[in-house]
PDB file of all heavy atoms in Angstrom:
ATOM      1  N   GLU A   1      -1.091  22.205 -10.898  1.00  0.00           N
ATOM      2  CA  GLU A   1      -2.505  21.694 -10.709  1.00  0.00           C
ATOM      3  C   GLU A   1      -2.525  21.093  -9.356  1.00  0.00           C
ATOM      4  O   GLU A   1      -1.558  20.398  -8.843  1.00  0.00           O
ATOM      5  CB  GLU A   1      -2.768  20.791 -11.802  1.00  0.00           C
ATOM      6  CG  GLU A   1      -2.746  21.294 -13.299  1.00  0.00           C
ATOM      7  CD  GLU A   1      -3.841  22.257 -13.546  1.00  0.00           C
ATOM      8  OE1 GLU A   1      -5.003  21.965 -13.270  1.00  0.00           O
ATOM      9  OE2 GLU A   1      -3.592  23.507 -13.835  1.00  0.00           O
ATOM     10  N   MET A   2      -3.751  21.067  -8.851  1.00  0.00           N
ATOM     11  CA  MET A   2      -4.038  20.519  -7.580  1.00  0.00           C
ATOM     12  C   MET A   2      -5.196  19.546  -7.584  1.00  0.00           C
ATOM     13  O   MET A   2      -6.213  19.920  -8.213  1.00  0.00           O
ATOM     14  CB  MET A   2      -4.110  21.563  -6.476  1.00  0.00           C
ATOM     15  CG  MET A   2      -4.365  20.989  -5.133  1.00  0.00           C
ATOM     16  SD  MET A   2      -4.315  22.409  -3.882  1.00  0.00           S
ATOM     17  CE  MET A   2      -4.864  21.597  -2.359  1.00  0.00           C
ATOM     18  N   MET A   3      -5.271  18.336  -7.022  1.00  0.00           N
ATOM     19  CA  MET A   3      -6.367  17.575  -6.897  1.00  0.00           C
ATOM     20  C   MET A   3      -6.527  17.101  -5.282  1.00  0.00           C
ATOM     21  O   MET A   3      -5.624  16.727  -4.812  1.00  0.00           O
ATOM     22  CB  MET A   3      -6.228  16.351  -7.866  1.00  0.00           C
ATOM     23  CG  MET A   3      -6.400  16.728  -9.329  1.00  0.00           C
ATOM     24  SD  MET A   3      -6.365  15.266 -10.414  1.00  0.00           S
ATOM     25  CE  MET A   3      -4.507  14.952 -10.441  1.00  0.00           C
ATOM     26  N   ASP A   4      -7.740  17.036  -4.907  1.00  0.00           N
ATOM     27  CA  ASP A   4      -7.951  16.447  -3.630  1.00  0.00           C
ATOM     28  C   ASP A   4      -8.173  15.000  -3.663  1.00  0.00           C
ATOM     29  O   ASP A   4      -8.129  14.409  -4.800  1.00  0.00           O
ATOM     30  CB  ASP A   4      -9.141  17.148  -2.981  1.00  0.00           C
ATOM     31  CG  ASP A   4     -10.437  16.896  -3.498  1.00  0.00           C
ATOM     32  OD1 ASP A   4     -10.616  16.125  -4.433  1.00  0.00           O
ATOM     33  OD2 ASP A   4     -11.527  17.490  -3.088  1.00  0.00           O
ATOM     34  N   LYS A   5      -8.312  14.313  -2.451  1.00  0.00           N
ATOM     35  CA  LYS A   5      -8.455  12.951  -2.359  1.00  0.00           C
ATOM     36  C   LYS A   5      -9.463  12.272  -3.108  1.00  0.00           C
ATOM     37  O   LYS A   5      -9.182  11.290  -3.888  1.00  0.00           O
ATOM     38  CB  LYS A   5      -8.336  12.541  -0.896  1.00  0.00           C
ATOM     39  CG  LYS A   5      -8.118  11.104  -0.654  1.00  0.00           C
ATOM     40  CD  LYS A   5      -7.879  10.852   0.847  1.00  0.00           C
ATOM     41  CE  LYS A   5      -7.426   9.421   1.290  1.00  0.00           C
ATOM     42  NZ  LYS A   5      -7.293   9.134   2.676  1.00  0.00           N
ATOM     43  N   PRO A   6     -10.773  12.772  -3.066  1.00  0.00           N
ATOM     44  CA  PRO A   6     -11.729  12.147  -3.728  1.00  0.00           C
ATOM     45  C   PRO A   6     -11.567  12.150  -5.330  1.00  0.00           C
ATOM     46  O   PRO A   6     -11.815  11.197  -6.025  1.00  0.00           O
ATOM     47  CB  PRO A   6     -12.896  13.049  -3.445  1.00  0.00           C
ATOM     48  CG  PRO A   6     -12.697  13.469  -2.066  1.00  0.00           C
ATOM     49  CD  PRO A   6     -11.191  13.706  -2.054  1.00  0.00           C
ATOM     50  N   MET A   7     -10.939  13.228  -5.694  1.00  0.00           N
ATOM     51  CA  MET A   7     -10.738  13.306  -7.185  1.00  0.00           C
ATOM     52  C   MET A   7      -9.557  12.287  -7.598  1.00  0.00           C
ATOM     53  O   MET A   7      -9.636  11.691  -8.625  1.00  0.00           O
ATOM     54  CB  MET A   7     -10.346  14.777  -7.644  1.00  0.00           C
ATOM     55  CG  MET A   7     -10.035  14.918  -9.108  1.00  0.00           C
ATOM     56  SD  MET A   7     -11.471  14.428 -10.089  1.00  0.00           S
ATOM     57  CE  MET A   7     -12.556  15.888  -9.941  1.00  0.00           C
ATOM     58  N   THR A   8      -8.507  12.365  -6.852  1.00  0.00           N
ATOM     59  CA  THR A   8      -7.358  11.334  -7.279  1.00  0.00           C
ATOM     60  C   THR A   8      -7.884   9.927  -7.167  1.00  0.00           C
ATOM     61  O   THR A   8      -7.453   9.271  -8.031  1.00  0.00           O
ATOM     62  CB  THR A   8      -6.145  11.546  -6.312  1.00  0.00           C
ATOM     63  OG1 THR A   8      -6.694  11.442  -4.967  1.00  0.00           O
ATOM     64  CG2 THR A   8      -5.651  12.913  -6.375  1.00  0.00           C
ATOM     65  N   ALA A   9      -8.809   9.606  -6.232  1.00  0.00           N
ATOM     66  CA  ALA A   9      -9.323   8.133  -6.241  1.00  0.00           C
ATOM     67  C   ALA A   9     -10.248   7.878  -7.452  1.00  0.00           C
ATOM     68  O   ALA A   9      -9.991   6.909  -8.041  1.00  0.00           O
ATOM     69  CB  ALA A   9     -10.083   8.034  -4.853  1.00  0.00           C
ATOM     70  N   ALA A  10     -10.915   8.972  -7.972  1.00  0.00           N
ATOM     71  CA  ALA A  10     -11.787   8.679  -9.143  1.00  0.00           C
ATOM     72  C   ALA A  10     -10.878   8.596 -10.313  1.00  0.00           C
ATOM     73  O   ALA A  10     -11.161   7.682 -11.223  1.00  0.00           O
ATOM     74  CB  ALA A  10     -12.742  10.000  -9.247  1.00  0.00           C
ATOM     75  N   VAL A  11      -9.969   9.383 -10.601  1.00  0.00           N
ATOM     76  CA  VAL A  11      -9.024   9.268 -11.770  1.00  0.00           C
ATOM     77  C   VAL A  11      -8.013   8.169 -11.783  1.00  0.00           C
ATOM     78  O   VAL A  11      -7.822   7.608 -12.793  1.00  0.00           O
ATOM     79  CB  VAL A  11      -8.475  10.701 -12.098  1.00  0.00           C
ATOM     80  CG1 VAL A  11      -9.354  11.803 -12.212  1.00  0.00           C
ATOM     81  CG2 VAL A  11      -7.333  10.925 -10.942  1.00  0.00           C
ATOM     82  N   GLU A  12      -7.706   7.828 -10.639  1.00  0.00           N
ATOM     83  CA  GLU A  12      -6.725   6.608 -10.567  1.00  0.00           C
ATOM     84  C   GLU A  12      -7.463   5.416 -10.930  1.00  0.00           C
ATOM     85  O   GLU A  12      -6.940   4.571 -11.627  1.00  0.00           O
ATOM     86  CB  GLU A  12      -6.114   6.489  -9.087  1.00  0.00           C
ATOM     87  CG  GLU A  12      -5.166   5.363  -8.907  1.00  0.00           C
ATOM     88  CD  GLU A  12      -3.908   5.563  -9.955  1.00  0.00           C
ATOM     89  OE1 GLU A  12      -3.664   6.607 -10.335  1.00  0.00           O
ATOM     90  OE2 GLU A  12      -3.208   4.470 -10.178  1.00  0.00           O
ATOM     91  N   ASP A  13      -8.631   5.229 -10.541  1.00  0.00           N
ATOM     92  CA  ASP A  13      -9.435   4.082 -10.856  1.00  0.00           C
ATOM     93  C   ASP A  13      -9.720   3.986 -12.337  1.00  0.00           C
ATOM     94  O   ASP A  13      -9.982   2.963 -13.024  1.00  0.00           O
ATOM     95  CB  ASP A  13     -10.754   4.031 -10.049  1.00  0.00           C
ATOM     96  CG  ASP A  13     -11.590   2.724 -10.285  1.00  0.00           C
ATOM     97  OD1 ASP A  13     -10.915   1.732 -10.065  1.00  0.00           O
ATOM     98  OD2 ASP A  13     -12.755   2.859 -10.761  1.00  0.00           O
ATOM     99  N   PHE A  14      -9.677   5.097 -12.973  1.00  0.00           N
ATOM    100  CA  PHE A  14     -10.046   5.362 -14.298  1.00  0.00           C
ATOM    101  C   PHE A  14      -8.888   5.153 -15.363  1.00  0.00           C
ATOM    102  O   PHE A  14      -8.943   4.519 -16.388  1.00  0.00           O
ATOM    103  CB  PHE A  14     -10.701   6.687 -14.645  1.00  0.00           C
ATOM    104  CG  PHE A  14     -11.226   6.936 -15.960  1.00  0.00           C
ATOM    105  CD1 PHE A  14     -11.791   5.925 -16.809  1.00  0.00           C
ATOM    106  CD2 PHE A  14     -11.160   8.204 -16.686  1.00  0.00           C
ATOM    107  CE1 PHE A  14     -12.193   6.239 -18.072  1.00  0.00           C
ATOM    108  CE2 PHE A  14     -11.578   8.416 -17.881  1.00  0.00           C
ATOM    109  CZ  PHE A  14     -12.064   7.526 -18.657  1.00  0.00           C
ATOM    110  N   VAL A  15      -7.789   5.873 -15.089  1.00  0.00           N
ATOM    111  CA  VAL A  15      -6.663   5.853 -15.934  1.00  0.00           C
ATOM    112  C   VAL A  15      -5.370   5.245 -15.373  1.00  0.00           C
ATOM    113  O   VAL A  15      -4.410   5.075 -16.086  1.00  0.00           O
ATOM    114  CB  VAL A  15      -6.316   7.370 -16.460  1.00  0.00           C
ATOM    115  CG1 VAL A  15      -7.480   7.850 -17.190  1.00  0.00           C
ATOM    116  CG2 VAL A  15      -5.881   8.131 -15.291  1.00  0.00           C
ATOM    117  N   HIS A  16      -5.275   4.918 -14.060  1.00  0.00           N
ATOM    118  CA  HIS A  16      -4.145   4.235 -13.565  1.00  0.00           C
ATOM    119  C   HIS A  16      -2.928   5.133 -13.753  1.00  0.00           C
ATOM    120  O   HIS A  16      -1.967   4.709 -14.314  1.00  0.00           O
ATOM    121  CB  HIS A  16      -3.961   2.879 -13.982  1.00  0.00           C
ATOM    122  CG  HIS A  16      -5.103   2.136 -13.990  1.00  0.00           C
ATOM    123  ND1 HIS A  16      -5.799   1.759 -12.726  1.00  0.00           N
ATOM    124  CD2 HIS A  16      -6.050   1.668 -15.012  1.00  0.00           C
ATOM    125  CE1 HIS A  16      -6.815   1.085 -12.954  1.00  0.00           C
ATOM    126  NE2 HIS A  16      -7.066   0.952 -14.283  1.00  0.00           N
ATOM    127  N   ALA A  17      -2.924   6.394 -13.289  1.00  0.00           N
ATOM    128  CA  ALA A  17      -1.817   7.264 -13.532  1.00  0.00           C
ATOM    129  C   ALA A  17      -0.680   7.248 -12.497  1.00  0.00           C
ATOM    130  O   ALA A  17       0.292   7.736 -12.570  1.00  0.00           O
ATOM    131  CB  ALA A  17      -2.418   8.742 -13.411  1.00  0.00           C
ATOM    132  N   GLY A  18      -0.914   6.363 -11.492  1.00  0.00           N
ATOM    133  CA  GLY A  18       0.057   6.278 -10.508  1.00  0.00           C
ATOM    134  C   GLY A  18      -0.068   7.149  -9.324  1.00  0.00           C
ATOM    135  O   GLY A  18       1.001   7.480  -8.586  1.00  0.00           O
ATOM    136  N   TYR A  19      -1.276   7.759  -9.068  1.00  0.00           N
ATOM    137  CA  TYR A  19      -1.408   8.664  -7.935  1.00  0.00           C
ATOM    138  C   TYR A  19      -1.343   8.068  -6.609  1.00  0.00           C
ATOM    139  O   TYR A  19      -1.744   7.051  -6.474  1.00  0.00           O
ATOM    140  CB  TYR A  19      -2.670   9.441  -8.230  1.00  0.00           C
ATOM    141  CG  TYR A  19      -2.808  10.351  -9.443  1.00  0.00           C
ATOM    142  CD1 TYR A  19      -4.003  10.804  -9.941  1.00  0.00           C
ATOM    143  CD2 TYR A  19      -1.642  10.813  -9.991  1.00  0.00           C
ATOM    144  CE1 TYR A  19      -4.047  11.560 -11.041  1.00  0.00           C
ATOM    145  CE2 TYR A  19      -1.718  11.659 -11.147  1.00  0.00           C
ATOM    146  CZ  TYR A  19      -2.922  12.060 -11.671  1.00  0.00           C
ATOM    147  OH  TYR A  19      -2.922  12.863 -12.600  1.00  0.00           O
ATOM    148  N   ASP A  20      -0.995   8.841  -5.555  1.00  0.00           N
ATOM    149  CA  ASP A  20      -0.833   8.397  -4.302  1.00  0.00           C
ATOM    150  C   ASP A  20      -2.271   8.550  -3.637  1.00  0.00           C
ATOM    151  O   ASP A  20      -2.688   9.623  -3.501  1.00  0.00           O
ATOM    152  CB  ASP A  20       0.136   9.425  -3.478  1.00  0.00           C
ATOM    153  CG  ASP A  20       0.214   8.991  -2.087  1.00  0.00           C
ATOM    154  OD1 ASP A  20      -0.484   8.049  -1.540  1.00  0.00           O
ATOM    155  OD2 ASP A  20       1.134   9.694  -1.409  1.00  0.00           O
ATOM    156  N   LEU A  21      -2.989   7.341  -3.508  1.00  0.00           N
ATOM    157  CA  LEU A  21      -4.265   7.395  -2.923  1.00  0.00           C
ATOM    158  C   LEU A  21      -4.419   7.741  -1.389  1.00  0.00           C
ATOM    159  O   LEU A  21      -5.414   7.888  -0.911  1.00  0.00           O
ATOM    160  CB  LEU A  21      -5.011   6.020  -3.339  1.00  0.00           C
ATOM    161  CG  LEU A  21      -5.073   5.736  -4.685  1.00  0.00           C
ATOM    162  CD1 LEU A  21      -5.747   4.425  -4.957  1.00  0.00           C
ATOM    163  CD2 LEU A  21      -5.796   6.839  -5.418  1.00  0.00           C
ATOM    164  N   ASN A  22      -3.187   7.668  -0.729  1.00  0.00           N
ATOM    165  CA  ASN A  22      -3.235   8.026   0.705  1.00  0.00           C
ATOM    166  C   ASN A  22      -3.149   9.515   0.948  1.00  0.00           C
ATOM    167  O   ASN A  22      -3.346   9.932   2.047  1.00  0.00           O
ATOM    168  CB  ASN A  22      -2.170   7.363   1.464  1.00  0.00           C
ATOM    169  CG  ASN A  22      -2.184   5.777   1.327  1.00  0.00           C
ATOM    170  OD1 ASN A  22      -3.335   5.196   1.663  1.00  0.00           O
ATOM    171  ND2 ASN A  22      -1.167   4.983   1.101  1.00  0.00           N
ATOM    172  N   ALA A  23      -2.749  10.201   0.055  1.00  0.00           N
ATOM    173  CA  ALA A  23      -2.539  11.654   0.046  1.00  0.00           C
ATOM    174  C   ALA A  23      -3.946  12.449   0.118  1.00  0.00           C
ATOM    175  O   ALA A  23      -4.918  12.000  -0.569  1.00  0.00           O
ATOM    176  CB  ALA A  23      -1.786  12.209  -1.191  1.00  0.00           C
ATOM    177  N   GLU A  24      -4.019  13.491   0.877  1.00  0.00           N
ATOM    178  CA  GLU A  24      -5.107  14.296   1.036  1.00  0.00           C
ATOM    179  C   GLU A  24      -5.268  15.307  -0.157  1.00  0.00           C
ATOM    180  O   GLU A  24      -6.282  15.565  -0.503  1.00  0.00           O
ATOM    181  CB  GLU A  24      -5.117  15.149   2.290  1.00  0.00           C
ATOM    182  CG  GLU A  24      -5.163  14.317   3.543  1.00  0.00           C
ATOM    183  CD  GLU A  24      -6.580  13.612   3.635  1.00  0.00           C
ATOM    184  OE1 GLU A  24      -7.655  14.245   3.291  1.00  0.00           O
ATOM    185  OE2 GLU A  24      -6.724  12.442   4.096  1.00  0.00           O
TER     186      GLU A  24
END
């Protein structure tokens, strides 16, 4: 699966999955 930066920011704020918010 692939997620772009706007999506990772949205889900990280929601579930705190540990995603890299600096990644594109």
